[in-house]
Amino acid sequence: MPQLKTLASILLPADPNDSKIRLHQKMILFVSVLAILVGLYSLVKWSLIGYESLAHAAWVVVIGQVICGLLNKFSTISRMVLAHISIASMAFHAVSIIYLLGGIHSAHIFWIIGIIIFAY
């Protein structure tokens, strides 16, 4: 467990005086790390299956979340904008999956509902 605290201290900006701001920074970091893992999984999965266009869409998630993590670390833009960028990268990938795998008849259409719930 000390390794996670060390990693979090490296990836988070300097400790602000406000605990609410620190909680937001930790949530953005948590979402970014999870989304990077999901994006990497999706990248490998779709590449091995042969859907290169979906693998390319997974790069949007991976790169977008890395950018969100870096912007969070250096506190260059507001946390609200970071949250929107994070959700937008996930939504782009979800819409790509839905479109390329059958549109309205795709079993992946529920990813949009999942992302909406995740955003709240």
PDB file of N, CA and C in Angstrom:
ATOM      1  N   MET A   1       0.799  -1.202   0.000  1.00  0.00           N
ATOM      2  CA  MET A   1       0.000   0.000   0.000  1.00  0.00           C
ATOM      3  C   MET A   1       0.845   1.272   0.000  1.00  0.00           C
ATOM      4  N   PRO A   2       2.017   1.284   0.618  1.00  0.00           N
ATOM      5  CA  PRO A   2       2.842   2.497   0.553  1.00  0.00           C
ATOM      6  C   PRO A   2       3.265   2.839  -0.873  1.00  0.00           C
ATOM      7  N   GLN A   3       3.385   1.832  -1.741  1.00  0.00           N
ATOM      8  CA  GLN A   3       3.766   2.094  -3.122  1.00  0.00           C
ATOM      9  C   GLN A   3       2.682   2.889  -3.843  1.00  0.00           C
ATOM     10  N   LEU A   4       1.409   2.594  -3.553  1.00  0.00           N
ATOM     11  CA  LEU A   4       0.316   3.339  -4.179  1.00  0.00           C
ATOM     12  C   LEU A   4       0.313   4.794  -3.730  1.00  0.00           C
ATOM     13  N   LYS A   5       0.600   5.040  -2.462  1.00  0.00           N
ATOM     14  CA  LYS A   5       0.648   6.413  -1.971  1.00  0.00           C
ATOM     15  C   LYS A   5       1.809   7.169  -2.610  1.00  0.00           C
ATOM     16  N   THR A   6       2.921   6.471  -2.793  1.00  0.00           N
ATOM     17  CA  THR A   6       4.074   7.095  -3.442  1.00  0.00           C
ATOM     18  C   THR A   6       3.749   7.412  -4.893  1.00  0.00           C
ATOM     19  N   LEU A   7       3.130   6.469  -5.583  1.00  0.00           N
ATOM     20  CA  LEU A   7       2.744   6.688  -6.978  1.00  0.00           C
ATOM     21  C   LEU A   7       1.741   7.828  -7.091  1.00  0.00           C
ATOM     22  N   ALA A   8       0.767   7.855  -6.199  1.00  0.00           N
ATOM     23  CA  ALA A   8      -0.227   8.927  -6.216  1.00  0.00           C
ATOM     24  C   ALA A   8       0.419  10.279  -5.939  1.00  0.00           C
ATOM     25  N   SER A   9       1.380  10.313  -5.037  1.00  0.00           N
ATOM     26  CA  SER A   9       2.037  11.591  -4.752  1.00  0.00           C
ATOM     27  C   SER A   9       2.854  12.080  -5.940  1.00  0.00           C
ATOM     28  N   ILE A  10       3.383  11.160  -6.726  1.00  0.00           N
ATOM     29  CA  ILE A  10       4.126  11.542  -7.932  1.00  0.00           C
ATOM     30  C   ILE A  10       3.179  12.066  -9.003  1.00  0.00           C
ATOM     31  N   LEU A  11       2.012  11.434  -9.146  1.00  0.00           N
ATOM     32  CA  LEU A  11       1.086  11.784 -10.218  1.00  0.00           C
ATOM     33  C   LEU A  11       0.150  12.934  -9.883  1.00  0.00           C
ATOM     34  N   LEU A  12       0.083  13.318  -8.616  1.00  0.00           N
ATOM     35  CA  LEU A  12      -0.795  14.416  -8.219  1.00  0.00           C
ATOM     36  C   LEU A  12       0.010  15.702  -8.053  1.00  0.00           C
ATOM     37  N   PRO A  13      -0.647  16.852  -8.236  1.00  0.00           N
ATOM     38  CA  PRO A  13       0.050  18.124  -8.010  1.00  0.00           C
ATOM     39  C   PRO A  13       0.315  18.336  -6.524  1.00  0.00           C
ATOM     40  N   ALA A  14       0.987  19.412  -6.237  1.00  0.00           N
ATOM     41  CA  ALA A  14       1.280  19.744  -4.840  1.00  0.00           C
ATOM     42  C   ALA A  14      -0.025  19.818  -4.046  1.00  0.00           C
ATOM     43  N   ASP A  15       0.051  19.456  -2.804  1.00  0.00           N
ATOM     44  CA  ASP A  15      -1.127  19.368  -1.947  1.00  0.00           C
ATOM     45  C   ASP A  15      -1.751  20.749  -1.735  1.00  0.00           C
ATOM     46  N   PRO A  16      -3.001  20.946  -2.217  1.00  0.00           N
ATOM     47  CA  PRO A  16      -3.661  22.237  -1.989  1.00  0.00           C
ATOM     48  C   PRO A  16      -4.196  22.320  -0.564  1.00  0.00           C
ATOM     49  N   ASN A  17      -4.545  23.510  -0.158  1.00  0.00           N
ATOM     50  CA  ASN A  17      -5.097  23.701   1.182  1.00  0.00           C
ATOM     51  C   ASN A  17      -6.526  23.198   1.283  1.00  0.00           C
ATOM     52  N   ASP A  18      -7.232  23.185   0.177  1.00  0.00           N
ATOM     53  CA  ASP A  18      -8.636  22.791   0.149  1.00  0.00           C
ATOM     54  C   ASP A  18      -8.755  21.283  -0.073  1.00  0.00           C
ATOM     55  N   SER A  19      -9.445  20.599   0.822  1.00  0.00           N
ATOM     56  CA  SER A  19      -9.594  19.144   0.693  1.00  0.00           C
ATOM     57  C   SER A  19     -10.526  18.769  -0.455  1.00  0.00           C
ATOM     58  N   LYS A  20     -11.454  19.657  -0.809  1.00  0.00           N
ATOM     59  CA  LYS A  20     -12.366  19.390  -1.926  1.00  0.00           C
ATOM     60  C   LYS A  20     -11.588  19.364  -3.247  1.00  0.00           C
ATOM     61  N   ILE A  21     -10.666  20.288  -3.413  1.00  0.00           N
ATOM     62  CA  ILE A  21      -9.831  20.317  -4.617  1.00  0.00           C
ATOM     63  C   ILE A  21      -8.981  19.054  -4.687  1.00  0.00           C
ATOM     64  N   ARG A  22      -8.427  18.636  -3.553  1.00  0.00           N
ATOM     65  CA  ARG A  22      -7.588  17.424  -3.528  1.00  0.00           C
ATOM     66  C   ARG A  22      -8.415  16.199  -3.900  1.00  0.00           C
ATOM     67  N   LEU A  23      -9.658  16.126  -3.428  1.00  0.00           N
ATOM     68  CA  LEU A  23     -10.523  15.012  -3.768  1.00  0.00           C
ATOM     69  C   LEU A  23     -10.795  14.985  -5.273  1.00  0.00           C
ATOM     70  N   HIS A  24     -11.050  16.148  -5.862  1.00  0.00           N
ATOM     71  CA  HIS A  24     -11.271  16.220  -7.309  1.00  0.00           C
ATOM     72  C   HIS A  24     -10.031  15.773  -8.078  1.00  0.00           C
ATOM     73  N   GLN A  25      -8.868  16.198  -7.624  1.00  0.00           N
ATOM     74  CA  GLN A  25      -7.632  15.791  -8.291  1.00  0.00           C
ATOM     75  C   GLN A  25      -7.430  14.283  -8.214  1.00  0.00           C
ATOM     76  N   LYS A  26      -7.740  13.700  -7.071  1.00  0.00           N
ATOM     77  CA  LYS A  26      -7.615  12.249  -6.921  1.00  0.00           C
ATOM     78  C   LYS A  26      -8.621  11.502  -7.789  1.00  0.00           C
ATOM     79  N   MET A  27      -9.842  12.037  -7.896  1.00  0.00           N
ATOM     80  CA  MET A  27     -10.849  11.389  -8.740  1.00  0.00           C
ATOM     81  C   MET A  27     -10.447  11.428 -10.209  1.00  0.00           C
ATOM     82  N   ILE A  28      -9.922  12.553 -10.661  1.00  0.00           N
ATOM     83  CA  ILE A  28      -9.470  12.661 -12.050  1.00  0.00           C
ATOM     84  C   ILE A  28      -8.321  11.689 -12.307  1.00  0.00           C
ATOM     85  N   LEU A  29      -7.405  11.578 -11.368  1.00  0.00           N
ATOM     86  CA  LEU A  29      -6.300  10.630 -11.507  1.00  0.00           C
ATOM     87  C   LEU A  29      -6.815   9.193 -11.551  1.00  0.00           C
ATOM     88  N   PHE A  30      -7.744   8.850 -10.668  1.00  0.00           N
ATOM     89  CA  PHE A  30      -8.308   7.503 -10.625  1.00  0.00           C
ATOM     90  C   PHE A  30      -9.006   7.153 -11.937  1.00  0.00           C
ATOM     91  N   VAL A  31      -9.828   8.063 -12.430  1.00  0.00           N
ATOM     92  CA  VAL A  31     -10.533   7.831 -13.693  1.00  0.00           C
ATOM     93  C   VAL A  31      -9.544   7.703 -14.845  1.00  0.00           C
ATOM     94  N   SER A  32      -8.520   8.532 -14.856  1.00  0.00           N
ATOM     95  CA  SER A  32      -7.518   8.470 -15.927  1.00  0.00           C
ATOM     96  C   SER A  32      -6.790   7.134 -15.934  1.00  0.00           C
ATOM     97  N   VAL A  33      -6.391   6.660 -14.764  1.00  0.00           N
ATOM     98  CA  VAL A  33      -5.667   5.384 -14.693  1.00  0.00           C
ATOM     99  C   VAL A  33      -6.566   4.235 -15.140  1.00  0.00           C
ATOM    100  N   LEU A  34      -7.803   4.209 -14.662  1.00  0.00           N
ATOM    101  CA  LEU A  34      -8.714   3.145 -15.081  1.00  0.00           C
ATOM    102  C   LEU A  34      -9.008   3.208 -16.576  1.00  0.00           C
ATOM    103  N   ALA A  35      -9.222   4.398 -17.097  1.00  0.00           N
ATOM    104  CA  ALA A  35      -9.523   4.533 -18.523  1.00  0.00           C
ATOM    105  C   ALA A  35      -8.315   4.157 -19.384  1.00  0.00           C
ATOM    106  N   ILE A  36      -7.105   4.447 -18.918  1.00  0.00           N
ATOM    107  CA  ILE A  36      -5.911   4.022 -19.654  1.00  0.00           C
ATOM    108  C   ILE A  36      -5.853   2.499 -19.711  1.00  0.00           C
ATOM    109  N   LEU A  37      -6.141   1.846 -18.594  1.00  0.00           N
ATOM    110  CA  LEU A  37      -6.132   0.384 -18.576  1.00  0.00           C
ATOM    111  C   LEU A  37      -7.193  -0.195 -19.508  1.00  0.00           C
ATOM    112  N   VAL A  38      -8.391   0.375 -19.487  1.00  0.00           N
ATOM    113  CA  VAL A  38      -9.456  -0.087 -20.376  1.00  0.00           C
ATOM    114  C   VAL A  38      -9.093   0.196 -21.831  1.00  0.00           C
ATOM    115  N   GLY A  39      -8.516   1.354 -22.090  1.00  0.00           N
ATOM    116  CA  GLY A  39      -8.099   1.682 -23.452  1.00  0.00           C
ATOM    117  C   GLY A  39      -7.019   0.749 -23.966  1.00  0.00           C
ATOM    118  N   LEU A  40      -6.054   0.406 -23.119  1.00  0.00           N
ATOM    119  CA  LEU A  40      -5.011  -0.536 -23.530  1.00  0.00           C
ATOM    120  C   LEU A  40      -5.583  -1.931 -23.780  1.00  0.00           C
ATOM    121  N   TYR A  41      -6.513  -2.348 -22.915  1.00  0.00           N
ATOM    122  CA  TYR A  41      -7.180  -3.633 -23.131  1.00  0.00           C
ATOM    123  C   TYR A  41      -7.924  -3.636 -24.458  1.00  0.00           C
ATOM    124  N   SER A  42      -8.667  -2.563 -24.709  1.00  0.00           N
ATOM    125  CA  SER A  42      -9.423  -2.452 -25.954  1.00  0.00           C
ATOM    126  C   SER A  42      -8.490  -2.410 -27.159  1.00  0.00           C
ATOM    127  N   LEU A  43      -7.394  -1.719 -27.023  1.00  0.00           N
ATOM    128  CA  LEU A  43      -6.408  -1.643 -28.105  1.00  0.00           C
ATOM    129  C   LEU A  43      -5.880  -3.033 -28.462  1.00  0.00           C
ATOM    130  N   VAL A  44      -5.502  -3.786 -27.459  1.00  0.00           N
ATOM    131  CA  VAL A  44      -4.986  -5.140 -27.702  1.00  0.00           C
ATOM    132  C   VAL A  44      -6.084  -6.043 -28.258  1.00  0.00           C
ATOM    133  N   LYS A  45      -7.266  -5.972 -27.657  1.00  0.00           N
ATOM    134  CA  LYS A  45      -8.378  -6.825 -28.079  1.00  0.00           C
ATOM    135  C   LYS A  45      -8.744  -6.599 -29.536  1.00  0.00           C
ATOM    136  N   TRP A  46      -8.993  -5.359 -29.923  1.00  0.00           N
ATOM    137  CA  TRP A  46      -9.431  -5.087 -31.277  1.00  0.00           C
ATOM    138  C   TRP A  46      -8.308  -5.293 -32.288  1.00  0.00           C
ATOM    139  N   SER A  47      -7.062  -5.102 -31.879  1.00  0.00           N
ATOM    140  CA  SER A  47      -5.941  -5.367 -32.781  1.00  0.00           C
ATOM    141  C   SER A  47      -5.819  -6.853 -33.069  1.00  0.00           C
ATOM    142  N   LEU A  48      -5.952  -7.673 -32.041  1.00  0.00           N
ATOM    143  CA  LEU A  48      -5.834  -9.121 -32.228  1.00  0.00           C
ATOM    144  C   LEU A  48      -6.998  -9.707 -33.018  1.00  0.00           C
ATOM    145  N   ILE A  49      -8.180  -9.128 -32.856  1.00  0.00           N
ATOM    146  CA  ILE A  49      -9.343  -9.614 -33.594  1.00  0.00           C
ATOM    147  C   ILE A  49      -9.283  -9.177 -35.056  1.00  0.00           C
ATOM    148  N   GLY A  50      -8.632  -8.065 -35.318  1.00  0.00           N
ATOM    149  CA  GLY A  50      -8.501  -7.597 -36.684  1.00  0.00           C
ATOM    150  C   GLY A  50      -9.299  -6.360 -37.017  1.00  0.00           C
ATOM    151  N   TYR A  51      -9.898  -5.724 -36.021  1.00  0.00           N
ATOM    152  CA  TYR A  51     -10.638  -4.481 -36.230  1.00  0.00           C
ATOM    153  C   TYR A  51      -9.682  -3.312 -35.980  1.00  0.00           C
ATOM    154  N   GLU A  52      -8.911  -2.983 -36.971  1.00  0.00           N
ATOM    155  CA  GLU A  52      -7.888  -1.939 -36.809  1.00  0.00           C
ATOM    156  C   GLU A  52      -8.496  -0.565 -36.540  1.00  0.00           C
ATOM    157  N   SER A  53      -9.658  -0.285 -37.134  1.00  0.00           N
ATOM    158  CA  SER A  53     -10.269   1.028 -36.912  1.00  0.00           C
ATOM    159  C   SER A  53     -10.691   1.201 -35.446  1.00  0.00           C
ATOM    160  N   LEU A  54     -11.149   0.127 -34.806  1.00  0.00           N
ATOM    161  CA  LEU A  54     -11.482   0.223 -33.383  1.00  0.00           C
ATOM    162  C   LEU A  54     -10.235   0.311 -32.522  1.00  0.00           C
ATOM    163  N   ALA A  55      -9.165  -0.330 -32.971  1.00  0.00           N
ATOM    164  CA  ALA A  55      -7.895  -0.212 -32.248  1.00  0.00           C
ATOM    165  C   ALA A  55      -7.385   1.227 -32.312  1.00  0.00           C
ATOM    166  N   HIS A  56      -7.567   1.858 -33.464  1.00  0.00           N
ATOM    167  CA  HIS A  56      -7.159   3.261 -33.585  1.00  0.00           C
ATOM    168  C   HIS A  56      -8.019   4.157 -32.693  1.00  0.00           C
ATOM    169  N   ALA A  57      -9.296   3.845 -32.569  1.00  0.00           N
ATOM    170  CA  ALA A  57     -10.176   4.626 -31.693  1.00  0.00           C
ATOM    171  C   ALA A  57      -9.783   4.438 -30.227  1.00  0.00           C
ATOM    172  N   ALA A  58      -9.241   3.269 -29.883  1.00  0.00           N
ATOM    173  CA  ALA A  58      -8.799   3.040 -28.510  1.00  0.00           C
ATOM    174  C   ALA A  58      -7.599   3.920 -28.174  1.00  0.00           C
ATOM    175  N   TRP A  59      -6.807   4.263 -29.179  1.00  0.00           N
ATOM    176  CA  TRP A  59      -5.683   5.176 -28.943  1.00  0.00           C
ATOM    177  C   TRP A  59      -6.166   6.532 -28.457  1.00  0.00           C
ATOM    178  N   VAL A  60      -7.364   6.947 -28.897  1.00  0.00           N
ATOM    179  CA  VAL A  60      -7.915   8.229 -28.444  1.00  0.00           C
ATOM    180  C   VAL A  60      -8.107   8.206 -26.929  1.00  0.00           C
ATOM    181  N   VAL A  61      -8.585   7.072 -26.413  1.00  0.00           N
ATOM    182  CA  VAL A  61      -8.780   6.949 -24.968  1.00  0.00           C
ATOM    183  C   VAL A  61      -7.432   6.984 -24.253  1.00  0.00           C
ATOM    184  N   VAL A  62      -6.497   6.189 -24.737  1.00  0.00           N
ATOM    185  CA  VAL A  62      -5.201   6.104 -24.059  1.00  0.00           C
ATOM    186  C   VAL A  62      -4.493   7.460 -24.071  1.00  0.00           C
ATOM    187  N   ILE A  63      -4.385   8.062 -25.227  1.00  0.00           N
ATOM    188  CA  ILE A  63      -3.681   9.343 -25.335  1.00  0.00           C
ATOM    189  C   ILE A  63      -4.448  10.449 -24.609  1.00  0.00           C
ATOM    190  N   GLY A  64      -5.771  10.445 -24.749  1.00  0.00           N
ATOM    191  CA  GLY A  64      -6.583  11.459 -24.072  1.00  0.00           C
ATOM    192  C   GLY A  64      -6.460  11.391 -22.561  1.00  0.00           C
ATOM    193  N   GLN A  65      -6.409  10.187 -22.024  1.00  0.00           N
ATOM    194  CA  GLN A  65      -6.293  10.045 -20.570  1.00  0.00           C
ATOM    195  C   GLN A  65      -4.888  10.382 -20.070  1.00  0.00           C
ATOM    196  N   VAL A  66      -3.887  10.082 -20.857  1.00  0.00           N
ATOM    197  CA  VAL A  66      -2.531  10.484 -20.480  1.00  0.00           C
ATOM    198  C   VAL A  66      -2.435  12.009 -20.446  1.00  0.00           C
ATOM    199  N   ILE A  67      -3.026  12.649 -21.440  1.00  0.00           N
ATOM    200  CA  ILE A  67      -3.046  14.113 -21.472  1.00  0.00           C
ATOM    201  C   ILE A  67      -3.807  14.665 -20.263  1.00  0.00           C
ATOM    202  N   CYS A  68      -4.949  14.048 -19.934  1.00  0.00           N
ATOM    203  CA  CYS A  68      -5.705  14.494 -18.753  1.00  0.00           C
ATOM    204  C   CYS A  68      -4.881  14.329 -17.484  1.00  0.00           C
ATOM    205  N   GLY A  69      -4.172  13.229 -17.375  1.00  0.00           N
ATOM    206  CA  GLY A  69      -3.326  13.017 -16.200  1.00  0.00           C
ATOM    207  C   GLY A  69      -2.228  14.050 -16.084  1.00  0.00           C
ATOM    208  N   LEU A  70      -1.611  14.377 -17.215  1.00  0.00           N
ATOM    209  CA  LEU A  70      -0.545  15.387 -17.197  1.00  0.00           C
ATOM    210  C   LEU A  70      -1.092  16.777 -16.890  1.00  0.00           C
ATOM    211  N   LEU A  71      -2.230  17.097 -17.481  1.00  0.00           N
ATOM    212  CA  LEU A  71      -2.834  18.401 -17.192  1.00  0.00           C
ATOM    213  C   LEU A  71      -3.278  18.489 -15.736  1.00  0.00           C
ATOM    214  N   ASN A  72      -3.720  17.373 -15.191  1.00  0.00           N
ATOM    215  CA  ASN A  72      -4.080  17.337 -13.776  1.00  0.00           C
ATOM    216  C   ASN A  72      -2.842  17.536 -12.899  1.00  0.00           C
ATOM    217  N   LYS A  73      -1.758  16.897 -13.267  1.00  0.00           N
ATOM    218  CA  LYS A  73      -0.514  16.999 -12.497  1.00  0.00           C
ATOM    219  C   LYS A  73      -0.013  18.440 -12.432  1.00  0.00           C
ATOM    220  N   PHE A  74      -0.071  19.117 -13.564  1.00  0.00           N
ATOM    221  CA  PHE A  74       0.482  20.470 -13.627  1.00  0.00           C
ATOM    222  C   PHE A  74      -0.578  21.552 -13.421  1.00  0.00           C
ATOM    223  N   SER A  75      -1.832  21.158 -13.183  1.00  0.00           N
ATOM    224  CA  SER A  75      -2.937  22.084 -12.890  1.00  0.00           C
ATOM    225  C   SER A  75      -3.005  23.230 -13.889  1.00  0.00           C
ATOM    226  N   THR A  76      -2.938  22.905 -15.168  1.00  0.00           N
ATOM    227  CA  THR A  76      -2.935  23.952 -16.185  1.00  0.00           C
ATOM    228  C   THR A  76      -4.339  24.421 -16.557  1.00  0.00           C
ATOM    229  N   ILE A  77      -5.325  23.532 -16.489  1.00  0.00           N
ATOM    230  CA  ILE A  77      -6.701  23.937 -16.785  1.00  0.00           C
ATOM    231  C   ILE A  77      -7.594  23.465 -15.641  1.00  0.00           C
ATOM    232  N   SER A  78      -8.825  23.938 -15.636  1.00  0.00           N
ATOM    233  CA  SER A  78      -9.721  23.633 -14.514  1.00  0.00           C
ATOM    234  C   SER A  78     -10.067  22.142 -14.470  1.00  0.00           C
ATOM    235  N   ARG A  79     -10.453  21.694 -13.305  1.00  0.00           N
ATOM    236  CA  ARG A  79     -10.811  20.292 -13.120  1.00  0.00           C
ATOM    237  C   ARG A  79     -12.073  19.938 -13.883  1.00  0.00           C
ATOM    238  N   MET A  80     -12.977  20.876 -14.042  1.00  0.00           N
ATOM    239  CA  MET A  80     -14.213  20.620 -14.783  1.00  0.00           C
ATOM    240  C   MET A  80     -13.903  20.354 -16.253  1.00  0.00           C
ATOM    241  N   VAL A  81     -12.998  21.118 -16.837  1.00  0.00           N
ATOM    242  CA  VAL A  81     -12.606  20.903 -18.232  1.00  0.00           C
ATOM    243  C   VAL A  81     -11.898  19.554 -18.377  1.00  0.00           C
ATOM    244  N   LEU A  82     -11.070  19.209 -17.412  1.00  0.00           N
ATOM    245  CA  LEU A  82     -10.395  17.907 -17.435  1.00  0.00           C
ATOM    246  C   LEU A  82     -11.405  16.768 -17.396  1.00  0.00           C
ATOM    247  N   ALA A  83     -12.404  16.899 -16.559  1.00  0.00           N
ATOM    248  CA  ALA A  83     -13.433  15.863 -16.482  1.00  0.00           C
ATOM    249  C   ALA A  83     -14.172  15.727 -17.807  1.00  0.00           C
ATOM    250  N   HIS A  84     -14.445  16.842 -18.457  1.00  0.00           N
ATOM    251  CA  HIS A  84     -15.130  16.787 -19.749  1.00  0.00           C
ATOM    252  C   HIS A  84     -14.247  16.163 -20.834  1.00  0.00           C
ATOM    253  N   ILE A  85     -12.970  16.483 -20.833  1.00  0.00           N
ATOM    254  CA  ILE A  85     -12.052  15.877 -21.799  1.00  0.00           C
ATOM    255  C   ILE A  85     -11.978  14.368 -21.580  1.00  0.00           C
ATOM    256  N   SER A  86     -11.936  13.963 -20.335  1.00  0.00           N
ATOM    257  CA  SER A  86     -11.867  12.545 -20.001  1.00  0.00           C
ATOM    258  C   SER A  86     -13.106  11.803 -20.493  1.00  0.00           C
ATOM    259  N   ILE A  87     -14.267  12.333 -20.192  1.00  0.00           N
ATOM    260  CA  ILE A  87     -15.517  11.698 -20.629  1.00  0.00           C
ATOM    261  C   ILE A  87     -15.633  11.738 -22.149  1.00  0.00           C
ATOM    262  N   ALA A  88     -15.180  12.813 -22.776  1.00  0.00           N
ATOM    263  CA  ALA A  88     -15.260  12.917 -24.243  1.00  0.00           C
ATOM    264  C   ALA A  88     -14.401  11.860 -24.922  1.00  0.00           C
ATOM    265  N   SER A  89     -13.227  11.571 -24.383  1.00  0.00           N
ATOM    266  CA  SER A  89     -12.393  10.543 -25.008  1.00  0.00           C
ATOM    267  C   SER A  89     -13.037   9.168 -24.880  1.00  0.00           C
ATOM    268  N   MET A  90     -13.653   8.901 -23.740  1.00  0.00           N
ATOM    269  CA  MET A  90     -14.347   7.625 -23.565  1.00  0.00           C
ATOM    270  C   MET A  90     -15.583   7.544 -24.464  1.00  0.00           C
ATOM    271  N   ALA A  91     -16.305   8.648 -24.580  1.00  0.00           N
ATOM    272  CA  ALA A  91     -17.502   8.664 -25.418  1.00  0.00           C
ATOM    273  C   ALA A  91     -17.152   8.487 -26.894  1.00  0.00           C
ATOM    274  N   PHE A  92     -16.045   9.077 -27.332  1.00  0.00           N
ATOM    275  CA  PHE A  92     -15.617   8.908 -28.715  1.00  0.00           C
ATOM    276  C   PHE A  92     -15.383   7.433 -29.032  1.00  0.00           C
ATOM    277  N   HIS A  93     -14.706   6.744 -28.142  1.00  0.00           N
ATOM    278  CA  HIS A  93     -14.424   5.324 -28.359  1.00  0.00           C
ATOM    279  C   HIS A  93     -15.719   4.505 -28.336  1.00  0.00           C
ATOM    280  N   ALA A  94     -16.611   4.823 -27.403  1.00  0.00           N
ATOM    281  CA  ALA A  94     -17.880   4.095 -27.319  1.00  0.00           C
ATOM    282  C   ALA A  94     -18.719   4.287 -28.573  1.00  0.00           C
ATOM    283  N   VAL A  95     -18.778   5.507 -29.076  1.00  0.00           N
ATOM    284  CA  VAL A  95     -19.545   5.774 -30.293  1.00  0.00           C
ATOM    285  C   VAL A  95     -18.901   5.082 -31.495  1.00  0.00           C
ATOM    286  N   SER A  96     -17.585   5.033 -31.533  1.00  0.00           N
ATOM    287  CA  SER A  96     -16.896   4.324 -32.614  1.00  0.00           C
ATOM    288  C   SER A  96     -17.232   2.840 -32.587  1.00  0.00           C
ATOM    289  N   ILE A  97     -17.227   2.251 -31.402  1.00  0.00           N
ATOM    290  CA  ILE A  97     -17.574   0.832 -31.282  1.00  0.00           C
ATOM    291  C   ILE A  97     -19.002   0.592 -31.745  1.00  0.00           C
ATOM    292  N   ILE A  98     -19.910   1.430 -31.297  1.00  0.00           N
ATOM    293  CA  ILE A  98     -21.320   1.260 -31.673  1.00  0.00           C
ATOM    294  C   ILE A  98     -21.485   1.402 -33.176  1.00  0.00           C
ATOM    295  N   TYR A  99     -20.895   2.421 -33.755  1.00  0.00           N
ATOM    296  CA  TYR A  99     -21.043   2.666 -35.190  1.00  0.00           C
ATOM    297  C   TYR A  99     -20.448   1.540 -36.020  1.00  0.00           C
ATOM    298  N   LEU A 100     -19.260   1.095 -35.668  1.00  0.00           N
ATOM    299  CA  LEU A 100     -18.567   0.102 -36.487  1.00  0.00           C
ATOM    300  C   LEU A 100     -19.049  -1.330 -36.250  1.00  0.00           C
ATOM    301  N   LEU A 101     -19.797  -1.555 -35.176  1.00  0.00           N
ATOM    302  CA  LEU A 101     -20.272  -2.911 -34.889  1.00  0.00           C
ATOM    303  C   LEU A 101     -21.787  -3.054 -34.977  1.00  0.00           C
ATOM    304  N   GLY A 102     -22.415  -2.280 -35.819  1.00  0.00           N
ATOM    305  CA  GLY A 102     -23.820  -2.518 -36.098  1.00  0.00           C
ATOM    306  C   GLY A 102     -24.783  -1.402 -35.775  1.00  0.00           C
ATOM    307  N   GLY A 103     -24.291  -0.274 -35.359  1.00  0.00           N
ATOM    308  CA  GLY A 103     -25.163   0.870 -35.111  1.00  0.00           C
ATOM    309  C   GLY A 103     -26.174   0.610 -34.011  1.00  0.00           C
ATOM    310  N   ILE A 104     -27.434   0.926 -34.284  1.00  0.00           N
ATOM    311  CA  ILE A 104     -28.495   0.803 -33.289  1.00  0.00           C
ATOM    312  C   ILE A 104     -28.715  -0.648 -32.872  1.00  0.00           C
ATOM    313  N   HIS A 105     -28.310  -1.585 -33.714  1.00  0.00           N
ATOM    314  CA  HIS A 105     -28.489  -3.004 -33.416  1.00  0.00           C
ATOM    315  C   HIS A 105     -27.276  -3.602 -32.698  1.00  0.00           C
ATOM    316  N   SER A 106     -26.304  -2.782 -32.394  1.00  0.00           N
ATOM    317  CA  SER A 106     -25.088  -3.247 -31.731  1.00  0.00           C
ATOM    318  C   SER A 106     -25.358  -3.555 -30.256  1.00  0.00           C
ATOM    319  N   ALA A 107     -24.763  -4.614 -29.777  1.00  0.00           N
ATOM    320  CA  ALA A 107     -24.875  -4.948 -28.356  1.00  0.00           C
ATOM    321  C   ALA A 107     -24.100  -3.955 -27.493  1.00  0.00           C
ATOM    322  N   HIS A 108     -23.249  -3.175 -28.107  1.00  0.00           N
ATOM    323  CA  HIS A 108     -22.414  -2.221 -27.370  1.00  0.00           C
ATOM    324  C   HIS A 108     -23.105  -0.874 -27.149  1.00  0.00           C
ATOM    325  N   ILE A 109     -24.351  -0.751 -27.552  1.00  0.00           N
ATOM    326  CA  ILE A 109     -25.043   0.525 -27.434  1.00  0.00           C
ATOM    327  C   ILE A 109     -25.204   0.953 -25.976  1.00  0.00           C
ATOM    328  N   PHE A 110     -25.152   0.011 -25.072  1.00  0.00           N
ATOM    329  CA  PHE A 110     -25.303   0.344 -23.655  1.00  0.00           C
ATOM    330  C   PHE A 110     -24.064   0.984 -23.053  1.00  0.00           C
ATOM    331  N   TRP A 111     -22.972   1.040 -23.803  1.00  0.00           N
ATOM    332  CA  TRP A 111     -21.785   1.730 -23.319  1.00  0.00           C
ATOM    333  C   TRP A 111     -22.065   3.219 -23.109  1.00  0.00           C
ATOM    334  N   ILE A 112     -22.910   3.782 -23.930  1.00  0.00           N
ATOM    335  CA  ILE A 112     -23.258   5.204 -23.774  1.00  0.00           C
ATOM    336  C   ILE A 112     -23.938   5.434 -22.424  1.00  0.00           C
ATOM    337  N   ILE A 113     -24.844   4.549 -22.062  1.00  0.00           N
ATOM    338  CA  ILE A 113     -25.522   4.668 -20.760  1.00  0.00           C
ATOM    339  C   ILE A 113     -24.507   4.512 -19.640  1.00  0.00           C
ATOM    340  N   GLY A 114     -23.579   3.581 -19.795  1.00  0.00           N
ATOM    341  CA  GLY A 114     -22.533   3.393 -18.785  1.00  0.00           C
ATOM    342  C   GLY A 114     -21.667   4.622 -18.612  1.00  0.00           C
ATOM    343  N   ILE A 115     -21.335   5.259 -19.712  1.00  0.00           N
ATOM    344  CA  ILE A 115     -20.494   6.467 -19.631  1.00  0.00           C
ATOM    345  C   ILE A 115     -21.264   7.622 -18.999  1.00  0.00           C
ATOM    346  N   ILE A 116     -22.550   7.722 -19.294  1.00  0.00           N
ATOM    347  CA  ILE A 116     -23.370   8.765 -18.672  1.00  0.00           C
ATOM    348  C   ILE A 116     -23.453   8.552 -17.164  1.00  0.00           C
ATOM    349  N   ILE A 117     -23.667   7.316 -16.756  1.00  0.00           N
ATOM    350  CA  ILE A 117     -23.710   7.007 -15.320  1.00  0.00           C
ATOM    351  C   ILE A 117     -22.340   7.287 -14.696  1.00  0.00           C
ATOM    352  N   PHE A 118     -21.288   6.896 -15.378  1.00  0.00           N
ATOM    353  CA  PHE A 118     -19.948   7.121 -14.868  1.00  0.00           C
ATOM    354  C   PHE A 118     -19.663   8.621 -14.722  1.00  0.00           C
ATOM    355  N   ALA A 119     -20.178   9.420 -15.643  1.00  0.00           N
ATOM    356  CA  ALA A 119     -19.944  10.866 -15.587  1.00  0.00           C
ATOM    357  C   ALA A 119     -20.607  11.493 -14.358  1.00  0.00           C
ATOM    358  N   TYR A 120     -21.742  10.952 -13.964  1.00  0.00           N
ATOM    359  CA  TYR A 120     -22.403  11.511 -12.787  1.00  0.00           C
ATOM    360  C   TYR A 120     -21.786  10.966 -11.532  1.00  0.00           C
TER     361      TYR A 120
END
